Amino acid sequence: MDKNYSNILVAFQSLIPDAPLKDIERTACRLEEMNFSPTLLFPVEGLIRMNHSQWLKEFYTIKELSQKALLDLGVPEDKNILEYKEKQLSLLLYWCELIFRLRQDEPEAWDEIYELYEDD
């Protein structure tokens, strides 16, 4: 496994285990009310309701995407697929870490969301 993938995988694995299902749902509902749409290179269905094991599964799914699958997702042919997948995984990790903090009701995490979605 490439070093960058390894570093991202370690970061995903090191996320503290899941919040209770009620906290996952409460957070997802609040984010939906704000029309939350995380910036990713291509969409990840159900991101705000994913649990830790689903995030890890998504990591491996993205890591294993073929060039054809990426083209089907709208990735331009001239893009380096390794770099593209690494960028998607880095963005996914950022959002998963933030969502995890939101589920813990961390005020600073909610401040980040409010800054992005309400202070326009």
PDB file of N, CA and C in Angstrom:
ATOM      1  N   MET A   1       0.858  -1.176   0.000  1.00  0.00           N
ATOM      2  CA  MET A   1       0.000   0.000   0.000  1.00  0.00           C
ATOM      3  C   MET A   1       0.899   1.233   0.000  1.00  0.00           C
ATOM      4  N   ASP A   2       0.542   2.202  -0.791  1.00  0.00           N
ATOM      5  CA  ASP A   2       1.271   3.455  -0.885  1.00  0.00           C
ATOM      6  C   ASP A   2       1.311   4.154   0.474  1.00  0.00           C
ATOM      7  N   LYS A   3       2.401   4.876   0.738  1.00  0.00           N
ATOM      8  CA  LYS A   3       2.564   5.552   2.039  1.00  0.00           C
ATOM      9  C   LYS A   3       1.428   6.528   2.336  1.00  0.00           C
ATOM     10  N   ASN A   4       1.008   7.300   1.328  1.00  0.00           N
ATOM     11  CA  ASN A   4      -0.092   8.247   1.553  1.00  0.00           C
ATOM     12  C   ASN A   4      -1.375   7.526   1.939  1.00  0.00           C
ATOM     13  N   TYR A   5      -1.662   6.413   1.251  1.00  0.00           N
ATOM     14  CA  TYR A   5      -2.840   5.613   1.609  1.00  0.00           C
ATOM     15  C   TYR A   5      -2.703   5.092   3.032  1.00  0.00           C
ATOM     16  N   SER A   6      -1.519   4.641   3.368  1.00  0.00           N
ATOM     17  CA  SER A   6      -1.295   4.112   4.720  1.00  0.00           C
ATOM     18  C   SER A   6      -1.558   5.172   5.777  1.00  0.00           C
ATOM     19  N   ASN A   7      -1.065   6.380   5.548  1.00  0.00           N
ATOM     20  CA  ASN A   7      -1.276   7.472   6.503  1.00  0.00           C
ATOM     21  C   ASN A   7      -2.757   7.811   6.651  1.00  0.00           C
ATOM     22  N   ILE A   8      -3.462   7.837   5.535  1.00  0.00           N
ATOM     23  CA  ILE A   8      -4.889   8.149   5.577  1.00  0.00           C
ATOM     24  C   ILE A   8      -5.640   7.008   6.271  1.00  0.00           C
ATOM     25  N   LEU A   9      -5.273   5.761   5.972  1.00  0.00           N
ATOM     26  CA  LEU A   9      -5.925   4.622   6.616  1.00  0.00           C
ATOM     27  C   LEU A   9      -5.720   4.660   8.125  1.00  0.00           C
ATOM     28  N   VAL A  10      -4.503   4.947   8.565  1.00  0.00           N
ATOM     29  CA  VAL A  10      -4.226   5.037  10.001  1.00  0.00           C
ATOM     30  C   VAL A  10      -5.104   6.114  10.634  1.00  0.00           C
ATOM     31  N   ALA A  11      -5.263   7.242   9.947  1.00  0.00           N
ATOM     32  CA  ALA A  11      -6.106   8.323  10.477  1.00  0.00           C
ATOM     33  C   ALA A  11      -7.563   7.867  10.580  1.00  0.00           C
ATOM     34  N   PHE A  12      -8.061   7.160   9.561  1.00  0.00           N
ATOM     35  CA  PHE A  12      -9.428   6.635   9.630  1.00  0.00           C
ATOM     36  C   PHE A  12      -9.564   5.642  10.784  1.00  0.00           C
ATOM     37  N   GLN A  13      -8.593   4.756  10.915  1.00  0.00           N
ATOM     38  CA  GLN A  13      -8.656   3.740  11.964  1.00  0.00           C
ATOM     39  C   GLN A  13      -8.569   4.354  13.347  1.00  0.00           C
ATOM     40  N   SER A  14      -7.893   5.478  13.465  1.00  0.00           N
ATOM     41  CA  SER A  14      -7.696   6.087  14.777  1.00  0.00           C
ATOM     42  C   SER A  14      -8.884   6.929  15.246  1.00  0.00           C
ATOM     43  N   LEU A  15      -9.871   7.122  14.379  1.00  0.00           N
ATOM     44  CA  LEU A  15     -11.064   7.827  14.824  1.00  0.00           C
ATOM     45  C   LEU A  15     -11.678   7.030  15.971  1.00  0.00           C
ATOM     46  N   ILE A  16     -12.063   7.724  16.996  1.00  0.00           N
ATOM     47  CA  ILE A  16     -12.653   7.073  18.165  1.00  0.00           C
ATOM     48  C   ILE A  16     -13.922   6.345  17.715  1.00  0.00           C
ATOM     49  N   PRO A  17     -14.225   5.196  18.324  1.00  0.00           N
ATOM     50  CA  PRO A  17     -15.413   4.443  17.902  1.00  0.00           C
ATOM     51  C   PRO A  17     -16.685   5.280  17.857  1.00  0.00           C
ATOM     52  N   ASP A  18     -17.647   4.691  17.183  1.00  0.00           N
ATOM     53  CA  ASP A  18     -18.907   5.371  16.885  1.00  0.00           C
ATOM     54  C   ASP A  18     -19.598   6.009  18.082  1.00  0.00           C
ATOM     55  N   ALA A  19     -20.277   7.081  17.757  1.00  0.00           N
ATOM     56  CA  ALA A  19     -21.215   7.686  18.702  1.00  0.00           C
ATOM     57  C   ALA A  19     -22.449   6.794  18.730  1.00  0.00           C
ATOM     58  N   PRO A  20     -23.268   6.923  19.752  1.00  0.00           N
ATOM     59  CA  PRO A  20     -24.530   6.172  19.773  1.00  0.00           C
ATOM     60  C   PRO A  20     -25.385   6.548  18.552  1.00  0.00           C
ATOM     61  N   LEU A  21     -26.183   5.611  18.102  1.00  0.00           N
ATOM     62  CA  LEU A  21     -27.024   5.807  16.927  1.00  0.00           C
ATOM     63  C   LEU A  21     -27.897   7.055  17.045  1.00  0.00           C
ATOM     64  N   LYS A  22     -28.403   7.334  18.239  1.00  0.00           N
ATOM     65  CA  LYS A  22     -29.249   8.529  18.410  1.00  0.00           C
ATOM     66  C   LYS A  22     -28.446   9.806  18.156  1.00  0.00           C
ATOM     67  N   ASP A  23     -27.157   9.828  18.515  1.00  0.00           N
ATOM     68  CA  ASP A  23     -26.318  10.999  18.262  1.00  0.00           C
ATOM     69  C   ASP A  23     -25.974  11.126  16.782  1.00  0.00           C
ATOM     70  N   ILE A  24     -25.777   9.987  16.126  1.00  0.00           N
ATOM     71  CA  ILE A  24     -25.525   9.997  14.687  1.00  0.00           C
ATOM     72  C   ILE A  24     -26.733  10.583  13.966  1.00  0.00           C
ATOM     73  N   GLU A  25     -27.921  10.132  14.327  1.00  0.00           N
ATOM     74  CA  GLU A  25     -29.144  10.602  13.673  1.00  0.00           C
ATOM     75  C   GLU A  25     -29.418  12.069  14.011  1.00  0.00           C
ATOM     76  N   ARG A  26     -29.247  12.458  15.263  1.00  0.00           N
ATOM     77  CA  ARG A  26     -29.469  13.852  15.677  1.00  0.00           C
ATOM     78  C   ARG A  26     -28.558  14.792  14.883  1.00  0.00           C
ATOM     79  N   THR A  27     -27.300  14.413  14.767  1.00  0.00           N
ATOM     80  CA  THR A  27     -26.341  15.239  14.033  1.00  0.00           C
ATOM     81  C   THR A  27     -26.702  15.303  12.551  1.00  0.00           C
ATOM     82  N   ALA A  28     -27.052  14.160  11.970  1.00  0.00           N
ATOM     83  CA  ALA A  28     -27.423  14.117  10.554  1.00  0.00           C
ATOM     84  C   ALA A  28     -28.626  15.016  10.281  1.00  0.00           C
ATOM     85  N   CYS A  29     -29.611  14.974  11.158  1.00  0.00           N
ATOM     86  CA  CYS A  29     -30.804  15.822  10.986  1.00  0.00           C
ATOM     87  C   CYS A  29     -30.452  17.304  11.053  1.00  0.00           C
ATOM     88  N   ARG A  30     -29.602  17.669  11.986  1.00  0.00           N
ATOM     89  CA  ARG A  30     -29.188  19.075  12.087  1.00  0.00           C
ATOM     90  C   ARG A  30     -28.452  19.511  10.824  1.00  0.00           C
ATOM     91  N   LEU A  31     -27.572  18.651  10.322  1.00  0.00           N
ATOM     92  CA  LEU A  31     -26.826  18.979   9.106  1.00  0.00           C
ATOM     93  C   LEU A  31     -27.755  19.083   7.900  1.00  0.00           C
ATOM     94  N   GLU A  32     -28.731  18.196   7.815  1.00  0.00           N
ATOM     95  CA  GLU A  32     -29.699  18.261   6.711  1.00  0.00           C
ATOM     96  C   GLU A  32     -30.501  19.558   6.755  1.00  0.00           C
ATOM     97  N   GLU A  33     -30.858  20.015   7.942  1.00  0.00           N
ATOM     98  CA  GLU A  33     -31.587  21.278   8.080  1.00  0.00           C
ATOM     99  C   GLU A  33     -30.780  22.448   7.529  1.00  0.00           C
ATOM    100  N   MET A  34     -29.458  22.311   7.565  1.00  0.00           N
ATOM    101  CA  MET A  34     -28.573  23.367   7.080  1.00  0.00           C
ATOM    102  C   MET A  34     -28.198  23.166   5.610  1.00  0.00           C
ATOM    103  N   ASN A  35     -28.784  22.146   4.983  1.00  0.00           N
ATOM    104  CA  ASN A  35     -28.426  21.785   3.606  1.00  0.00           C
ATOM    105  C   ASN A  35     -26.944  21.497   3.463  1.00  0.00           C
ATOM    106  N   PHE A  36     -26.415  20.816   4.453  1.00  0.00           N
ATOM    107  CA  PHE A  36     -25.001  20.454   4.490  1.00  0.00           C
ATOM    108  C   PHE A  36     -24.640  19.611   3.269  1.00  0.00           C
ATOM    109  N   SER A  37     -23.588  20.015   2.591  1.00  0.00           N
ATOM    110  CA  SER A  37     -23.107  19.292   1.418  1.00  0.00           C
ATOM    111  C   SER A  37     -21.584  19.373   1.421  1.00  0.00           C
ATOM    112  N   PRO A  38     -20.934  18.348   1.956  1.00  0.00           N
ATOM    113  CA  PRO A  38     -19.479  18.413   2.057  1.00  0.00           C
ATOM    114  C   PRO A  38     -18.810  18.463   0.687  1.00  0.00           C
ATOM    115  N   THR A  39     -17.735  19.194   0.608  1.00  0.00           N
ATOM    116  CA  THR A  39     -16.987  19.317  -0.630  1.00  0.00           C
ATOM    117  C   THR A  39     -16.114  18.075  -0.815  1.00  0.00           C
ATOM    118  N   LEU A  40     -16.443  17.312  -1.843  1.00  0.00           N
ATOM    119  CA  LEU A  40     -15.684  16.119  -2.213  1.00  0.00           C
ATOM    120  C   LEU A  40     -15.492  16.142  -3.725  1.00  0.00           C
ATOM    121  N   LEU A  41     -14.557  15.366  -4.231  1.00  0.00           N
ATOM    122  CA  LEU A  41     -14.352  15.313  -5.677  1.00  0.00           C
ATOM    123  C   LEU A  41     -15.485  14.566  -6.368  1.00  0.00           C
ATOM    124  N   PHE A  42     -16.044  13.576  -5.685  1.00  0.00           N
ATOM    125  CA  PHE A  42     -17.243  12.897  -6.152  1.00  0.00           C
ATOM    126  C   PHE A  42     -18.041  12.505  -4.919  1.00  0.00           C
ATOM    127  N   PRO A  43     -19.355  12.426  -5.057  1.00  0.00           N
ATOM    128  CA  PRO A  43     -20.218  12.241  -3.878  1.00  0.00           C
ATOM    129  C   PRO A  43     -20.029  10.891  -3.194  1.00  0.00           C
ATOM    130  N   VAL A  44     -20.277  10.896  -1.884  1.00  0.00           N
ATOM    131  CA  VAL A  44     -20.294   9.674  -1.080  1.00  0.00           C
ATOM    132  C   VAL A  44     -21.690   9.606  -0.469  1.00  0.00           C
ATOM    133  N   GLU A  45     -22.467   8.665  -0.944  1.00  0.00           N
ATOM    134  CA  GLU A  45     -23.856   8.519  -0.510  1.00  0.00           C
ATOM    135  C   GLU A  45     -23.939   8.193   0.979  1.00  0.00           C
ATOM    136  N   GLY A  46     -24.747   8.962   1.704  1.00  0.00           N
ATOM    137  CA  GLY A  46     -25.008   8.666   3.111  1.00  0.00           C
ATOM    138  C   GLY A  46     -23.900   9.033   4.080  1.00  0.00           C
ATOM    139  N   LEU A  47     -22.999   9.877   3.668  1.00  0.00           N
ATOM    140  CA  LEU A  47     -21.828  10.222   4.482  1.00  0.00           C
ATOM    141  C   LEU A  47     -22.190  10.648   5.898  1.00  0.00           C
ATOM    142  N   ILE A  48     -23.208  11.476   6.053  1.00  0.00           N
ATOM    143  CA  ILE A  48     -23.494  12.024   7.381  1.00  0.00           C
ATOM    144  C   ILE A  48     -24.097  11.000   8.337  1.00  0.00           C
ATOM    145  N   ARG A  49     -24.494   9.845   7.805  1.00  0.00           N
ATOM    146  CA  ARG A  49     -25.039   8.796   8.673  1.00  0.00           C
ATOM    147  C   ARG A  49     -24.117   7.575   8.767  1.00  0.00           C
ATOM    148  N   MET A  50     -22.970   7.663   8.134  1.00  0.00           N
ATOM    149  CA  MET A  50     -22.041   6.533   8.184  1.00  0.00           C
ATOM    150  C   MET A  50     -21.452   6.378   9.575  1.00  0.00           C
ATOM    151  N   ASN A  51     -21.219   5.121   9.934  1.00  0.00           N
ATOM    152  CA  ASN A  51     -20.516   4.866  11.184  1.00  0.00           C
ATOM    153  C   ASN A  51     -19.044   4.560  10.868  1.00  0.00           C
ATOM    154  N   HIS A  52     -18.282   4.317  11.886  1.00  0.00           N
ATOM    155  CA  HIS A  52     -16.841   4.113  11.734  1.00  0.00           C
ATOM    156  C   HIS A  52     -16.518   2.994  10.744  1.00  0.00           C
ATOM    157  N   SER A  53     -17.174   1.860  10.860  1.00  0.00           N
ATOM    158  CA  SER A  53     -16.874   0.742   9.963  1.00  0.00           C
ATOM    159  C   SER A  53     -17.273   1.072   8.518  1.00  0.00           C
ATOM    160  N   GLN A  54     -18.323   1.859   8.338  1.00  0.00           N
ATOM    161  CA  GLN A  54     -18.718   2.264   6.986  1.00  0.00           C
ATOM    162  C   GLN A  54     -17.705   3.237   6.391  1.00  0.00           C
ATOM    163  N   TRP A  55     -17.143   4.113   7.221  1.00  0.00           N
ATOM    164  CA  TRP A  55     -16.101   5.017   6.730  1.00  0.00           C
ATOM    165  C   TRP A  55     -14.883   4.220   6.274  1.00  0.00           C
ATOM    166  N   LEU A  56     -14.505   3.210   7.049  1.00  0.00           N
ATOM    167  CA  LEU A  56     -13.372   2.361   6.655  1.00  0.00           C
ATOM    168  C   LEU A  56     -13.676   1.614   5.361  1.00  0.00           C
ATOM    169  N   LYS A  57     -14.894   1.105   5.234  1.00  0.00           N
ATOM    170  CA  LYS A  57     -15.291   0.413   4.002  1.00  0.00           C
ATOM    171  C   LYS A  57     -15.205   1.365   2.810  1.00  0.00           C
ATOM    172  N   GLU A  58     -15.657   2.613   3.003  1.00  0.00           N
ATOM    173  CA  GLU A  58     -15.593   3.609   1.924  1.00  0.00           C
ATOM    174  C   GLU A  58     -14.140   3.902   1.544  1.00  0.00           C
ATOM    175  N   PHE A  59     -13.252   3.937   2.523  1.00  0.00           N
ATOM    176  CA  PHE A  59     -11.824   4.122   2.243  1.00  0.00           C
ATOM    177  C   PHE A  59     -11.356   3.060   1.246  1.00  0.00           C
ATOM    178  N   TYR A  60     -11.626   1.803   1.543  1.00  0.00           N
ATOM    179  CA  TYR A  60     -11.180   0.718   0.673  1.00  0.00           C
ATOM    180  C   TYR A  60     -11.879   0.749  -0.677  1.00  0.00           C
ATOM    181  N   THR A  61     -13.148   1.134  -0.694  1.00  0.00           N
ATOM    182  CA  THR A  61     -13.869   1.238  -1.962  1.00  0.00           C
ATOM    183  C   THR A  61     -13.208   2.269  -2.865  1.00  0.00           C
ATOM    184  N   ILE A  62     -12.900   3.427  -2.308  1.00  0.00           N
ATOM    185  CA  ILE A  62     -12.252   4.486  -3.098  1.00  0.00           C
ATOM    186  C   ILE A  62     -10.860   4.060  -3.520  1.00  0.00           C
ATOM    187  N   LYS A  63     -10.119   3.482  -2.612  1.00  0.00           N
ATOM    188  CA  LYS A  63      -8.745   3.049  -2.914  1.00  0.00           C
ATOM    189  C   LYS A  63      -8.723   2.078  -4.093  1.00  0.00           C
ATOM    190  N   GLU A  64      -9.729   1.223  -4.189  1.00  0.00           N
ATOM    191  CA  GLU A  64      -9.752   0.189  -5.225  1.00  0.00           C
ATOM    192  C   GLU A  64     -10.447   0.611  -6.519  1.00  0.00           C
ATOM    193  N   LEU A  65     -10.946   1.837  -6.599  1.00  0.00           N
ATOM    194  CA  LEU A  65     -11.622   2.274  -7.817  1.00  0.00           C
ATOM    195  C   LEU A  65     -10.692   2.185  -9.023  1.00  0.00           C
ATOM    196  N   SER A  66     -11.223   1.659 -10.091  1.00  0.00           N
ATOM    197  CA  SER A  66     -10.456   1.572 -11.339  1.00  0.00           C
ATOM    198  C   SER A  66     -10.525   2.910 -12.077  1.00  0.00           C
ATOM    199  N   GLN A  67      -9.685   3.046 -13.074  1.00  0.00           N
ATOM    200  CA  GLN A  67      -9.718   4.265 -13.874  1.00  0.00           C
ATOM    201  C   GLN A  67     -11.071   4.392 -14.565  1.00  0.00           C
ATOM    202  N   LYS A  68     -11.624   3.280 -15.057  1.00  0.00           N
ATOM    203  CA  LYS A  68     -12.935   3.325 -15.701  1.00  0.00           C
ATOM    204  C   LYS A  68     -14.004   3.795 -14.716  1.00  0.00           C
ATOM    205  N   ALA A  69     -13.975   3.268 -13.495  1.00  0.00           N
ATOM    206  CA  ALA A  69     -14.961   3.681 -12.488  1.00  0.00           C
ATOM    207  C   ALA A  69     -14.838   5.173 -12.201  1.00  0.00           C
ATOM    208  N   LEU A  70     -13.620   5.672 -12.134  1.00  0.00           N
ATOM    209  CA  LEU A  70     -13.420   7.106 -11.900  1.00  0.00           C
ATOM    210  C   LEU A  70     -13.939   7.927 -13.074  1.00  0.00           C
ATOM    211  N   LEU A  71     -13.691   7.459 -14.285  1.00  0.00           N
ATOM    212  CA  LEU A  71     -14.220   8.154 -15.461  1.00  0.00           C
ATOM    213  C   LEU A  71     -15.749   8.183 -15.422  1.00  0.00           C
ATOM    214  N   ASP A  72     -16.351   7.075 -14.985  1.00  0.00           N
ATOM    215  CA  ASP A  72     -17.813   7.015 -14.856  1.00  0.00           C
ATOM    216  C   ASP A  72     -18.328   8.005 -13.815  1.00  0.00           C
ATOM    217  N   LEU A  73     -17.486   8.338 -12.833  1.00  0.00           N
ATOM    218  CA  LEU A  73     -17.856   9.323 -11.814  1.00  0.00           C
ATOM    219  C   LEU A  73     -17.608  10.753 -12.281  1.00  0.00           C
ATOM    220  N   GLY A  74     -17.071  10.899 -13.480  1.00  0.00           N
ATOM    221  CA  GLY A  74     -16.858  12.225 -14.040  1.00  0.00           C
ATOM    222  C   GLY A  74     -15.452  12.771 -13.883  1.00  0.00           C
ATOM    223  N   VAL A  75     -14.513  11.917 -13.477  1.00  0.00           N
ATOM    224  CA  VAL A  75     -13.132  12.357 -13.335  1.00  0.00           C
ATOM    225  C   VAL A  75     -12.543  12.551 -14.736  1.00  0.00           C
ATOM    226  N   PRO A  76     -11.936  13.695 -15.007  1.00  0.00           N
ATOM    227  CA  PRO A  76     -11.333  13.930 -16.325  1.00  0.00           C
ATOM    228  C   PRO A  76     -10.239  12.898 -16.638  1.00  0.00           C
ATOM    229  N   GLU A  77     -10.159  12.510 -17.893  1.00  0.00           N
ATOM    230  CA  GLU A  77      -9.195  11.487 -18.316  1.00  0.00           C
ATOM    231  C   GLU A  77      -7.748  11.875 -18.034  1.00  0.00           C
ATOM    232  N   ASP A  78      -7.456  13.153 -18.046  1.00  0.00           N
ATOM    233  CA  ASP A  78      -6.062  13.581 -17.897  1.00  0.00           C
ATOM    234  C   ASP A  78      -5.595  13.628 -16.438  1.00  0.00           C
ATOM    235  N   LYS A  79      -6.446  13.279 -15.491  1.00  0.00           N
ATOM    236  CA  LYS A  79      -6.088  13.314 -14.071  1.00  0.00           C
ATOM    237  C   LYS A  79      -5.294  12.069 -13.696  1.00  0.00           C
ATOM    238  N   ASN A  80      -4.320  12.241 -12.820  1.00  0.00           N
ATOM    239  CA  ASN A  80      -3.580  11.121 -12.251  1.00  0.00           C
ATOM    240  C   ASN A  80      -4.510  10.433 -11.259  1.00  0.00           C
ATOM    241  N   ILE A  81      -4.890   9.189 -11.523  1.00  0.00           N
ATOM    242  CA  ILE A  81      -5.908   8.554 -10.692  1.00  0.00           C
ATOM    243  C   ILE A  81      -5.433   8.312  -9.268  1.00  0.00           C
ATOM    244  N   LEU A  82      -4.160   8.041  -9.089  1.00  0.00           N
ATOM    245  CA  LEU A  82      -3.648   7.836  -7.732  1.00  0.00           C
ATOM    246  C   LEU A  82      -3.791   9.122  -6.923  1.00  0.00           C
ATOM    247  N   GLU A  83      -3.361  10.241  -7.498  1.00  0.00           N
ATOM    248  CA  GLU A  83      -3.478  11.526  -6.807  1.00  0.00           C
ATOM    249  C   GLU A  83      -4.945  11.892  -6.581  1.00  0.00           C
ATOM    250  N   TYR A  84      -5.793  11.603  -7.547  1.00  0.00           N
ATOM    251  CA  TYR A  84      -7.218  11.926  -7.436  1.00  0.00           C
ATOM    252  C   TYR A  84      -7.859  11.154  -6.288  1.00  0.00           C
ATOM    253  N   LYS A  85      -7.555   9.859  -6.208  1.00  0.00           N
ATOM    254  CA  LYS A  85      -8.107   9.046  -5.131  1.00  0.00           C
ATOM    255  C   LYS A  85      -7.567   9.494  -3.782  1.00  0.00           C
ATOM    256  N   GLU A  86      -6.288   9.829  -3.717  1.00  0.00           N
ATOM    257  CA  GLU A  86      -5.707  10.315  -2.459  1.00  0.00           C
ATOM    258  C   GLU A  86      -6.372  11.617  -2.021  1.00  0.00           C
ATOM    259  N   LYS A  87      -6.637  12.501  -2.968  1.00  0.00           N
ATOM    260  CA  LYS A  87      -7.303  13.774  -2.643  1.00  0.00           C
ATOM    261  C   LYS A  87      -8.723  13.508  -2.134  1.00  0.00           C
ATOM    262  N   GLN A  88      -9.447  12.609  -2.797  1.00  0.00           N
ATOM    263  CA  GLN A  88     -10.802  12.264  -2.346  1.00  0.00           C
ATOM    264  C   GLN A  88     -10.745  11.684  -0.935  1.00  0.00           C
ATOM    265  N   LEU A  89      -9.794  10.813  -0.676  1.00  0.00           N
ATOM    266  CA  LEU A  89      -9.689  10.205   0.654  1.00  0.00           C
ATOM    267  C   LEU A  89      -9.311  11.237   1.705  1.00  0.00           C
ATOM    268  N   SER A  90      -8.455  12.170   1.362  1.00  0.00           N
ATOM    269  CA  SER A  90      -8.085  13.237   2.309  1.00  0.00           C
ATOM    270  C   SER A  90      -9.287  14.109   2.644  1.00  0.00           C
ATOM    271  N   LEU A  91     -10.069  14.456   1.632  1.00  0.00           N
ATOM    272  CA  LEU A  91     -11.283  15.242   1.864  1.00  0.00           C
ATOM    273  C   LEU A  91     -12.292  14.454   2.692  1.00  0.00           C
ATOM    274  N   LEU A  92     -12.453  13.186   2.369  1.00  0.00           N
ATOM    275  CA  LEU A  92     -13.375  12.340   3.120  1.00  0.00           C
ATOM    276  C   LEU A  92     -12.943  12.258   4.580  1.00  0.00           C
ATOM    277  N   LEU A  93     -11.656  12.093   4.816  1.00  0.00           N
ATOM    278  CA  LEU A  93     -11.151  12.034   6.185  1.00  0.00           C
ATOM    279  C   LEU A  93     -11.450  13.333   6.925  1.00  0.00           C
ATOM    280  N   TYR A  94     -11.215  14.467   6.277  1.00  0.00           N
ATOM    281  CA  TYR A  94     -11.505  15.764   6.905  1.00  0.00           C
ATOM    282  C   TYR A  94     -12.961  15.819   7.359  1.00  0.00           C
ATOM    283  N   TRP A  95     -13.889  15.468   6.445  1.00  0.00           N
ATOM    284  CA  TRP A  95     -15.304  15.555   6.777  1.00  0.00           C
ATOM    285  C   TRP A  95     -15.696  14.528   7.831  1.00  0.00           C
ATOM    286  N   CYS A  96     -15.136  13.331   7.771  1.00  0.00           N
ATOM    287  CA  CYS A  96     -15.454  12.314   8.781  1.00  0.00           C
ATOM    288  C   CYS A  96     -14.983  12.755  10.159  1.00  0.00           C
ATOM    289  N   GLU A  97     -13.795  13.336  10.220  1.00  0.00           N
ATOM    290  CA  GLU A  97     -13.303  13.836  11.512  1.00  0.00           C
ATOM    291  C   GLU A  97     -14.214  14.939  12.046  1.00  0.00           C
ATOM    292  N   LEU A  98     -14.636  15.843  11.174  1.00  0.00           N
ATOM    293  CA  LEU A  98     -15.519  16.926  11.602  1.00  0.00           C
ATOM    294  C   LEU A  98     -16.879  16.373  12.028  1.00  0.00           C
ATOM    295  N   ILE A  99     -17.426  15.460  11.253  1.00  0.00           N
ATOM    296  CA  ILE A  99     -18.719  14.865  11.607  1.00  0.00           C
ATOM    297  C   ILE A  99     -18.618  14.140  12.942  1.00  0.00           C
ATOM    298  N   PHE A 100     -17.530  13.440  13.158  1.00  0.00           N
ATOM    299  CA  PHE A 100     -17.352  12.758  14.439  1.00  0.00           C
ATOM    300  C   PHE A 100     -17.369  13.773  15.581  1.00  0.00           C
ATOM    301  N   ARG A 101     -16.676  14.888  15.397  1.00  0.00           N
ATOM    302  CA  ARG A 101     -16.654  15.932  16.428  1.00  0.00           C
ATOM    303  C   ARG A 101     -18.042  16.526  16.635  1.00  0.00           C
ATOM    304  N   LEU A 102     -18.807  16.669  15.552  1.00  0.00           N
ATOM    305  CA  LEU A 102     -20.179  17.170  15.664  1.00  0.00           C
ATOM    306  C   LEU A 102     -21.037  16.214  16.484  1.00  0.00           C
ATOM    307  N   ARG A 103     -20.847  14.937  16.263  1.00  0.00           N
ATOM    308  CA  ARG A 103     -21.617  13.930  17.005  1.00  0.00           C
ATOM    309  C   ARG A 103     -21.299  13.967  18.495  1.00  0.00           C
ATOM    310  N   GLN A 104     -20.112  14.448  18.835  1.00  0.00           N
ATOM    311  CA  GLN A 104     -19.730  14.582  20.242  1.00  0.00           C
ATOM    312  C   GLN A 104     -20.187  15.927  20.807  1.00  0.00           C
ATOM    313  N   ASP A 105     -20.904  16.695  19.969  1.00  0.00           N
ATOM    314  CA  ASP A 105     -21.393  18.031  20.325  1.00  0.00           C
ATOM    315  C   ASP A 105     -20.272  18.977  20.729  1.00  0.00           C
ATOM    316  N   GLU A 106     -19.170  18.880  20.026  1.00  0.00           N
ATOM    317  CA  GLU A 106     -18.037  19.764  20.284  1.00  0.00           C
ATOM    318  C   GLU A 106     -18.370  21.162  19.743  1.00  0.00           C
ATOM    319  N   PRO A 107     -18.416  22.167  20.609  1.00  0.00           N
ATOM    320  CA  PRO A 107     -18.811  23.514  20.164  1.00  0.00           C
ATOM    321  C   PRO A 107     -17.950  24.061  19.025  1.00  0.00           C
ATOM    322  N   GLU A 108     -16.644  23.812  19.066  1.00  0.00           N
ATOM    323  CA  GLU A 108     -15.769  24.331  18.011  1.00  0.00           C
ATOM    324  C   GLU A 108     -16.096  23.716  16.656  1.00  0.00           C
ATOM    325  N   ALA A 109     -16.510  22.453  16.659  1.00  0.00           N
ATOM    326  CA  ALA A 109     -16.892  21.799  15.405  1.00  0.00           C
ATOM    327  C   ALA A 109     -18.152  22.440  14.839  1.00  0.00           C
ATOM    328  N   TRP A 110     -19.126  22.700  15.712  1.00  0.00           N
ATOM    329  CA  TRP A 110     -20.349  23.361  15.240  1.00  0.00           C
ATOM    330  C   TRP A 110     -20.037  24.780  14.771  1.00  0.00           C
ATOM    331  N   ASP A 111     -19.084  25.447  15.417  1.00  0.00           N
ATOM    332  CA  ASP A 111     -18.674  26.777  14.955  1.00  0.00           C
ATOM    333  C   ASP A 111     -18.160  26.717  13.518  1.00  0.00           C
ATOM    334  N   GLU A 112     -17.391  25.674  13.188  1.00  0.00           N
ATOM    335  CA  GLU A 112     -16.886  25.512  11.817  1.00  0.00           C
ATOM    336  C   GLU A 112     -18.043  25.372  10.824  1.00  0.00           C
ATOM    337  N   ILE A 113     -19.031  24.587  11.199  1.00  0.00           N
ATOM    338  CA  ILE A 113     -20.191  24.391  10.321  1.00  0.00           C
ATOM    339  C   ILE A 113     -20.964  25.696  10.166  1.00  0.00           C
ATOM    340  N   TYR A 114     -21.207  26.384  11.276  1.00  0.00           N
ATOM    341  CA  TYR A 114     -21.945  27.645  11.206  1.00  0.00           C
ATOM    342  C   TYR A 114     -21.200  28.664  10.349  1.00  0.00           C
ATOM    343  N   GLU A 115     -19.885  28.679  10.462  1.00  0.00           N
ATOM    344  CA  GLU A 115     -19.092  29.605   9.660  1.00  0.00           C
ATOM    345  C   GLU A 115     -19.243  29.287   8.173  1.00  0.00           C
ATOM    346  N   LEU A 116     -19.294  28.007   7.847  1.00  0.00           N
ATOM    347  CA  LEU A 116     -19.427  27.605   6.450  1.00  0.00           C
ATOM    348  C   LEU A 116     -20.832  27.823   5.888  1.00  0.00           C
ATOM    349  N   TYR A 117     -21.856  27.596   6.725  1.00  0.00           N
ATOM    350  CA  TYR A 117     -23.221  27.533   6.194  1.00  0.00           C
ATOM    351  C   TYR A 117     -24.141  28.656   6.627  1.00  0.00           C
ATOM    352  N   GLU A 118     -23.806  29.397   7.666  1.00  0.00           N
ATOM    353  CA  GLU A 118     -24.738  30.417   8.121  1.00  0.00           C
ATOM    354  C   GLU A 118     -24.192  31.832   8.055  1.00  0.00           C
ATOM    355  N   ASP A 119     -22.909  31.996   7.959  1.00  0.00           N
ATOM    356  CA  ASP A 119     -22.342  33.329   8.001  1.00  0.00           C
ATOM    357  C   ASP A 119     -22.147  33.948   6.627  1.00  0.00           C
ATOM    358  N   ASP A 120     -22.843  33.431   5.616  1.00  0.00           N
ATOM    359  CA  ASP A 120     -22.686  33.968   4.243  1.00  0.00           C
ATOM    360  C   ASP A 120     -23.365  35.289   4.083  1.00  0.00           C
TER     361      ASP A 120
END
